[in-house]
Amino acid sequence: MSKGNLQYRVRVRAIDELASLVRGFNQMTQELEQQPRNSKRAAGSPKPFLESIPTGVISVSADGRIQPSTSP
């Protein structure tokens, strides 16, 4: 899946919590597969995506410091 193969499904014969986790994973990959791919948006700036979020976003540097906002 990390290489873009969204058709991959995990098979499991268990009926415990692991089976529930696997079903959730398979459902997630199916939903991702059905979404239209927008390579331009994925390759572009995250600004349009961040501006569409109604709540605040905090950026943290690798050393744990909060970064200042670049949006007005």
PDB file of N, CA and C in Angstrom:
ATOM      1  N   MET A   1       0.824  -1.179   0.000  1.00  0.00           N
ATOM      2  CA  MET A   1       0.000   0.000   0.000  1.00  0.00           C
ATOM      3  C   MET A   1       0.875   1.252   0.000  1.00  0.00           C
ATOM      4  N   SER A   2       2.004   1.224   0.690  1.00  0.00           N
ATOM      5  CA  SER A   2       2.864   2.405   0.738  1.00  0.00           C
ATOM      6  C   SER A   2       3.427   2.759  -0.624  1.00  0.00           C
ATOM      7  N   LYS A   3       3.433   1.805  -1.551  1.00  0.00           N
ATOM      8  CA  LYS A   3       3.927   2.057  -2.905  1.00  0.00           C
ATOM      9  C   LYS A   3       2.792   2.383  -3.871  1.00  0.00           C
ATOM     10  N   GLY A   4       1.581   2.590  -3.343  1.00  0.00           N
ATOM     11  CA  GLY A   4       0.452   2.997  -4.170  1.00  0.00           C
ATOM     12  C   GLY A   4      -0.484   1.877  -4.575  1.00  0.00           C
ATOM     13  N   ASN A   5      -0.246   0.658  -4.119  1.00  0.00           N
ATOM     14  CA  ASN A   5      -1.129  -0.456  -4.464  1.00  0.00           C
ATOM     15  C   ASN A   5      -2.314  -0.474  -3.499  1.00  0.00           C
ATOM     16  N   LEU A   6      -3.385   0.226  -3.867  1.00  0.00           N
ATOM     17  CA  LEU A   6      -4.558   0.313  -3.007  1.00  0.00           C
ATOM     18  C   LEU A   6      -5.510  -0.862  -3.207  1.00  0.00           C
ATOM     19  N   GLN A   7      -5.170  -1.775  -4.099  1.00  0.00           N
ATOM     20  CA  GLN A   7      -6.005  -2.956  -4.312  1.00  0.00           C
ATOM     21  C   GLN A   7      -5.614  -4.107  -3.390  1.00  0.00           C
ATOM     22  N   TYR A   8      -4.532  -3.928  -2.651  1.00  0.00           N
ATOM     23  CA  TYR A   8      -4.069  -4.985  -1.755  1.00  0.00           C
ATOM     24  C   TYR A   8      -5.029  -5.134  -0.579  1.00  0.00           C
ATOM     25  N   ARG A   9      -5.389  -6.361  -0.251  1.00  0.00           N
ATOM     26  CA  ARG A   9      -6.234  -6.655   0.902  1.00  0.00           C
ATOM     27  C   ARG A   9      -5.546  -7.709   1.756  1.00  0.00           C
ATOM     28  N   VAL A  10      -5.686  -7.560   3.056  1.00  0.00           N
ATOM     29  CA  VAL A  10      -5.118  -8.513   3.997  1.00  0.00           C
ATOM     30  C   VAL A  10      -6.160  -9.580   4.278  1.00  0.00           C
ATOM     31  N   ARG A  11      -5.738 -10.845   4.255  1.00  0.00           N
ATOM     32  CA  ARG A  11      -6.646 -11.957   4.560  1.00  0.00           C
ATOM     33  C   ARG A  11      -6.382 -12.424   5.981  1.00  0.00           C
ATOM     34  N   VAL A  12      -7.462 -12.703   6.705  1.00  0.00           N
ATOM     35  CA  VAL A  12      -7.326 -13.175   8.081  1.00  0.00           C
ATOM     36  C   VAL A  12      -8.472 -14.132   8.387  1.00  0.00           C
ATOM     37  N   ARG A  13      -8.160 -15.160   9.149  1.00  0.00           N
ATOM     38  CA  ARG A  13      -9.186 -16.130   9.541  1.00  0.00           C
ATOM     39  C   ARG A  13      -9.576 -15.974  11.002  1.00  0.00           C
ATOM     40  N   ALA A  14      -9.030 -15.018  11.668  1.00  0.00           N
ATOM     41  CA  ALA A  14      -9.307 -14.799  13.087  1.00  0.00           C
ATOM     42  C   ALA A  14     -10.676 -14.149  13.279  1.00  0.00           C
ATOM     43  N   ILE A  15     -11.180 -14.226  14.508  1.00  0.00           N
ATOM     44  CA  ILE A  15     -12.455 -13.577  14.838  1.00  0.00           C
ATOM     45  C   ILE A  15     -12.296 -12.665  16.060  1.00  0.00           C
ATOM     46  N   ASP A  16     -11.071 -12.343  16.380  1.00  0.00           N
ATOM     47  CA  ASP A  16     -10.799 -11.523  17.558  1.00  0.00           C
ATOM     48  C   ASP A  16     -10.525 -10.076  17.160  1.00  0.00           C
ATOM     49  N   GLU A  17      -9.833  -9.335  18.027  1.00  0.00           N
ATOM     50  CA  GLU A  17      -9.537  -7.929  17.773  1.00  0.00           C
ATOM     51  C   GLU A  17      -8.664  -7.754  16.532  1.00  0.00           C
ATOM     52  N   LEU A  18      -7.792  -8.718  16.272  1.00  0.00           N
ATOM     53  CA  LEU A  18      -6.941  -8.643  15.084  1.00  0.00           C
ATOM     54  C   LEU A  18      -7.791  -8.661  13.816  1.00  0.00           C
ATOM     55  N   ALA A  19      -8.804  -9.502  13.785  1.00  0.00           N
ATOM     56  CA  ALA A  19      -9.695  -9.557  12.619  1.00  0.00           C
ATOM     57  C   ALA A  19     -10.412  -8.228  12.432  1.00  0.00           C
ATOM     58  N   SER A  20     -10.818  -7.615  13.522  1.00  0.00           N
ATOM     59  CA  SER A  20     -11.481  -6.313  13.446  1.00  0.00           C
ATOM     60  C   SER A  20     -10.535  -5.258  12.890  1.00  0.00           C
ATOM     61  N   LEU A  21      -9.283  -5.304  13.324  1.00  0.00           N
ATOM     62  CA  LEU A  21      -8.269  -4.371  12.820  1.00  0.00           C
ATOM     63  C   LEU A  21      -8.028  -4.581  11.328  1.00  0.00           C
ATOM     64  N   VAL A  22      -7.953  -5.825  10.902  1.00  0.00           N
ATOM     65  CA  VAL A  22      -7.727  -6.136   9.488  1.00  0.00           C
ATOM     66  C   VAL A  22      -8.918  -5.682   8.650  1.00  0.00           C
ATOM     67  N   ARG A  23     -10.133  -5.900   9.135  1.00  0.00           N
ATOM     68  CA  ARG A  23     -11.312  -5.438   8.386  1.00  0.00           C
ATOM     69  C   ARG A  23     -11.298  -3.920   8.242  1.00  0.00           C
ATOM     70  N   GLY A  24     -10.906  -3.216   9.290  1.00  0.00           N
ATOM     71  CA  GLY A  24     -10.807  -1.762   9.221  1.00  0.00           C
ATOM     72  C   GLY A  24      -9.760  -1.313   8.214  1.00  0.00           C
ATOM     73  N   PHE A  25      -8.616  -1.990   8.202  1.00  0.00           N
ATOM     74  CA  PHE A  25      -7.563  -1.681   7.236  1.00  0.00           C
ATOM     75  C   PHE A  25      -8.070  -1.896   5.814  1.00  0.00           C
ATOM     76  N   ASN A  26      -8.708  -3.024   5.568  1.00  0.00           N
ATOM     77  CA  ASN A  26      -9.222  -3.326   4.230  1.00  0.00           C
ATOM     78  C   ASN A  26     -10.289  -2.324   3.797  1.00  0.00           C
ATOM     79  N   GLN A  27     -11.127  -1.912   4.721  1.00  0.00           N
ATOM     80  CA  GLN A  27     -12.160  -0.915   4.396  1.00  0.00           C
ATOM     81  C   GLN A  27     -11.503   0.428   4.066  1.00  0.00           C
ATOM     82  N   MET A  28     -10.488   0.802   4.835  1.00  0.00           N
ATOM     83  CA  MET A  28      -9.787   2.057   4.584  1.00  0.00           C
ATOM     84  C   MET A  28      -9.147   2.054   3.200  1.00  0.00           C
ATOM     85  N   THR A  29      -8.471   0.965   2.831  1.00  0.00           N
ATOM     86  CA  THR A  29      -7.831   0.922   1.518  1.00  0.00           C
ATOM     87  C   THR A  29      -8.866   0.936   0.401  1.00  0.00           C
ATOM     88  N   GLN A  30     -10.010   0.305   0.622  1.00  0.00           N
ATOM     89  CA  GLN A  30     -11.070   0.331  -0.389  1.00  0.00           C
ATOM     90  C   GLN A  30     -11.591   1.752  -0.578  1.00  0.00           C
ATOM     91  N   GLU A  31     -11.793   2.480   0.513  1.00  0.00           N
ATOM     92  CA  GLU A  31     -12.272   3.861   0.416  1.00  0.00           C
ATOM     93  C   GLU A  31     -11.244   4.755  -0.265  1.00  0.00           C
ATOM     94  N   LEU A  32      -9.970   4.563   0.054  1.00  0.00           N
ATOM     95  CA  LEU A  32      -8.924   5.335  -0.604  1.00  0.00           C
ATOM     96  C   LEU A  32      -8.872   5.041  -2.094  1.00  0.00           C
ATOM     97  N   GLU A  33      -9.059   3.787  -2.435  1.00  0.00           N
ATOM     98  CA  GLU A  33      -9.027   3.383  -3.841  1.00  0.00           C
ATOM     99  C   GLU A  33     -10.164   4.024  -4.633  1.00  0.00           C
ATOM    100  N   GLN A  34     -11.301   4.220  -3.998  1.00  0.00           N
ATOM    101  CA  GLN A  34     -12.470   4.775  -4.680  1.00  0.00           C
ATOM    102  C   GLN A  34     -12.415   6.289  -4.818  1.00  0.00           C
ATOM    103  N   GLN A  35     -11.562   6.950  -4.048  1.00  0.00           N
ATOM    104  CA  GLN A  35     -11.443   8.401  -4.149  1.00  0.00           C
ATOM    105  C   GLN A  35     -10.687   8.769  -5.415  1.00  0.00           C
ATOM    106  N   PRO A  36     -11.142   9.816  -6.095  1.00  0.00           N
ATOM    107  CA  PRO A  36     -10.402  10.239  -7.287  1.00  0.00           C
ATOM    108  C   PRO A  36      -9.026  10.753  -6.900  1.00  0.00           C
ATOM    109  N   ARG A  37      -8.064  10.418  -7.694  1.00  0.00           N
ATOM    110  CA  ARG A  37      -6.699  10.876  -7.430  1.00  0.00           C
ATOM    111  C   ARG A  37      -6.507  12.249  -8.056  1.00  0.00           C
ATOM    112  N   ASN A  38      -5.910  13.114  -7.288  1.00  0.00           N
ATOM    113  CA  ASN A  38      -5.631  14.462  -7.764  1.00  0.00           C
ATOM    114  C   ASN A  38      -4.148  14.709  -7.554  1.00  0.00           C
ATOM    115  N   SER A  39      -3.350  14.307  -8.523  1.00  0.00           N
ATOM    116  CA  SER A  39      -1.902  14.385  -8.370  1.00  0.00           C
ATOM    117  C   SER A  39      -1.416  15.828  -8.243  1.00  0.00           C
ATOM    118  N   LYS A  40      -2.116  16.764  -8.887  1.00  0.00           N
ATOM    119  CA  LYS A  40      -1.694  18.162  -8.797  1.00  0.00           C
ATOM    120  C   LYS A  40      -1.827  18.669  -7.365  1.00  0.00           C
ATOM    121  N   ARG A  41      -2.921  18.332  -6.720  1.00  0.00           N
ATOM    122  CA  ARG A  41      -3.132  18.766  -5.336  1.00  0.00           C
ATOM    123  C   ARG A  41      -2.133  18.089  -4.405  1.00  0.00           C
ATOM    124  N   ALA A  42      -1.873  16.816  -4.626  1.00  0.00           N
ATOM    125  CA  ALA A  42      -0.943  16.083  -3.764  1.00  0.00           C
ATOM    126  C   ALA A  42       0.480  16.608  -3.920  1.00  0.00           C
ATOM    127  N   ALA A  43       0.840  17.016  -5.126  1.00  0.00           N
ATOM    128  CA  ALA A  43       2.203  17.477  -5.375  1.00  0.00           C
ATOM    129  C   ALA A  43       2.380  18.947  -5.047  1.00  0.00           C
ATOM    130  N   GLY A  44       1.267  19.677  -4.894  1.00  0.00           N
ATOM    131  CA  GLY A  44       1.361  21.116  -4.672  1.00  0.00           C
ATOM    132  C   GLY A  44       1.528  21.483  -3.216  1.00  0.00           C
ATOM    133  N   SER A  45       1.302  22.734  -2.956  1.00  0.00           N
ATOM    134  CA  SER A  45       1.434  23.282  -1.614  1.00  0.00           C
ATOM    135  C   SER A  45       0.314  22.773  -0.709  1.00  0.00           C
ATOM    136  N   PRO A  46       0.618  22.556   0.570  1.00  0.00           N
ATOM    137  CA  PRO A  46      -0.440  22.131   1.490  1.00  0.00           C
ATOM    138  C   PRO A  46      -1.342  23.285   1.937  1.00  0.00           C
ATOM    139  N   LYS A  47      -1.021  24.508   1.496  1.00  0.00           N
ATOM    140  CA  LYS A  47      -1.780  25.679   1.945  1.00  0.00           C
ATOM    141  C   LYS A  47      -3.287  25.567   1.675  1.00  0.00           C
ATOM    142  N   PRO A  48      -3.742  25.188   0.449  1.00  0.00           N
ATOM    143  CA  PRO A  48      -5.196  25.076   0.235  1.00  0.00           C
ATOM    144  C   PRO A  48      -5.849  24.074   1.189  1.00  0.00           C
ATOM    145  N   PHE A  49      -5.162  22.995   1.446  1.00  0.00           N
ATOM    146  CA  PHE A  49      -5.696  21.992   2.367  1.00  0.00           C
ATOM    147  C   PHE A  49      -5.772  22.561   3.779  1.00  0.00           C
ATOM    148  N   LEU A  50      -4.708  23.198   4.224  1.00  0.00           N
ATOM    149  CA  LEU A  50      -4.685  23.752   5.578  1.00  0.00           C
ATOM    150  C   LEU A  50      -5.722  24.845   5.753  1.00  0.00           C
ATOM    151  N   GLU A  51      -5.941  25.641   4.714  1.00  0.00           N
ATOM    152  CA  GLU A  51      -6.939  26.702   4.801  1.00  0.00           C
ATOM    153  C   GLU A  51      -8.359  26.160   4.869  1.00  0.00           C
ATOM    154  N   SER A  52      -8.582  24.932   4.422  1.00  0.00           N
ATOM    155  CA  SER A  52      -9.921  24.341   4.459  1.00  0.00           C
ATOM    156  C   SER A  52     -10.260  23.718   5.803  1.00  0.00           C
ATOM    157  N   ILE A  53      -9.295  23.610   6.702  1.00  0.00           N
ATOM    158  CA  ILE A  53      -9.530  23.018   8.013  1.00  0.00           C
ATOM    159  C   ILE A  53     -10.114  24.076   8.936  1.00  0.00           C
ATOM    160  N   PRO A  54     -11.278  23.805   9.549  1.00  0.00           N
ATOM    161  CA  PRO A  54     -11.924  24.826  10.367  1.00  0.00           C
ATOM    162  C   PRO A  54     -11.262  25.050  11.727  1.00  0.00           C
ATOM    163  N   THR A  55     -10.385  24.165  12.145  1.00  0.00           N
ATOM    164  CA  THR A  55      -9.715  24.325  13.428  1.00  0.00           C
ATOM    165  C   THR A  55      -8.257  24.678  13.219  1.00  0.00           C
ATOM    166  N   GLY A  56      -7.588  25.049  14.276  1.00  0.00           N
ATOM    167  CA  GLY A  56      -6.196  25.464  14.188  1.00  0.00           C
ATOM    168  C   GLY A  56      -5.246  24.313  13.910  1.00  0.00           C
ATOM    169  N   VAL A  57      -4.108  24.656  13.338  1.00  0.00           N
ATOM    170  CA  VAL A  57      -3.046  23.696  13.059  1.00  0.00           C
ATOM    171  C   VAL A  57      -1.768  24.236  13.670  1.00  0.00           C
ATOM    172  N   ILE A  58      -1.056  23.396  14.382  1.00  0.00           N
ATOM    173  CA  ILE A  58       0.205  23.799  14.991  1.00  0.00           C
ATOM    174  C   ILE A  58       1.321  23.034  14.306  1.00  0.00           C
ATOM    175  N   SER A  59       2.335  23.748  13.866  1.00  0.00           N
ATOM    176  CA  SER A  59       3.521  23.119  13.275  1.00  0.00           C
ATOM    177  C   SER A  59       4.597  23.025  14.339  1.00  0.00           C
ATOM    178  N   VAL A  60       5.230  21.853  14.414  1.00  0.00           N
ATOM    179  CA  VAL A  60       6.273  21.621  15.410  1.00  0.00           C
ATOM    180  C   VAL A  60       7.547  21.220  14.690  1.00  0.00           C
ATOM    181  N   SER A  61       8.661  21.844  15.062  1.00  0.00           N
ATOM    182  CA  SER A  61       9.945  21.522  14.447  1.00  0.00           C
ATOM    183  C   SER A  61      10.440  20.162  14.939  1.00  0.00           C
ATOM    184  N   ALA A  62      11.482  19.659  14.305  1.00  0.00           N
ATOM    185  CA  ALA A  62      12.042  18.358  14.672  1.00  0.00           C
ATOM    186  C   ALA A  62      12.527  18.333  16.114  1.00  0.00           C
ATOM    187  N   ASP A  63      12.938  19.491  16.634  1.00  0.00           N
ATOM    188  CA  ASP A  63      13.407  19.530  18.031  1.00  0.00           C
ATOM    189  C   ASP A  63      12.293  19.867  19.018  1.00  0.00           C
ATOM    190  N   GLY A  64      11.033  19.885  18.544  1.00  0.00           N
ATOM    191  CA  GLY A  64       9.889  20.054  19.443  1.00  0.00           C
ATOM    192  C   GLY A  64       9.427  21.474  19.658  1.00  0.00           C
ATOM    193  N   ARG A  65       9.995  22.439  18.955  1.00  0.00           N
ATOM    194  CA  ARG A  65       9.562  23.831  19.102  1.00  0.00           C
ATOM    195  C   ARG A  65       8.379  24.121  18.200  1.00  0.00           C
ATOM    196  N   ILE A  66       7.435  24.916  18.712  1.00  0.00           N
ATOM    197  CA  ILE A  66       6.281  25.326  17.914  1.00  0.00           C
ATOM    198  C   ILE A  66       6.741  26.365  16.912  1.00  0.00           C
ATOM    199  N   GLN A  67       6.366  26.170  15.654  1.00  0.00           N
ATOM    200  CA  GLN A  67       6.763  27.068  14.574  1.00  0.00           C
ATOM    201  C   GLN A  67       5.719  28.162  14.401  1.00  0.00           C
ATOM    202  N   PRO A  68       6.142  29.364  14.055  1.00  0.00           N
ATOM    203  CA  PRO A  68       5.173  30.444  13.815  1.00  0.00           C
ATOM    204  C   PRO A  68       4.336  30.164  12.577  1.00  0.00           C
ATOM    205  N   SER A  69       3.134  30.671  12.584  1.00  0.00           N
ATOM    206  CA  SER A  69       2.225  30.498  11.448  1.00  0.00           C
ATOM    207  C   SER A  69       2.699  31.339  10.270  1.00  0.00           C
ATOM    208  N   THR A  70       2.553  30.790   9.054  1.00  0.00           N
ATOM    209  CA  THR A  70       2.907  31.541   7.852  1.00  0.00           C
ATOM    210  C   THR A  70       1.679  32.093   7.167  1.00  0.00           C
ATOM    211  N   SER A  71       0.482  31.779   7.699  1.00  0.00           N
ATOM    212  CA  SER A  71      -0.760  32.285   7.127  1.00  0.00           C
ATOM    213  C   SER A  71      -1.179  33.551   7.839  1.00  0.00           C
ATOM    214  N   PRO A  72      -1.843  34.480   7.108  1.00  0.00           N
ATOM    215  CA  PRO A  72      -2.300  35.726   7.754  1.00  0.00           C
ATOM    216  C   PRO A  72      -3.415  35.476   8.732  1.00  0.00           C
TER     217      PRO A  72
END
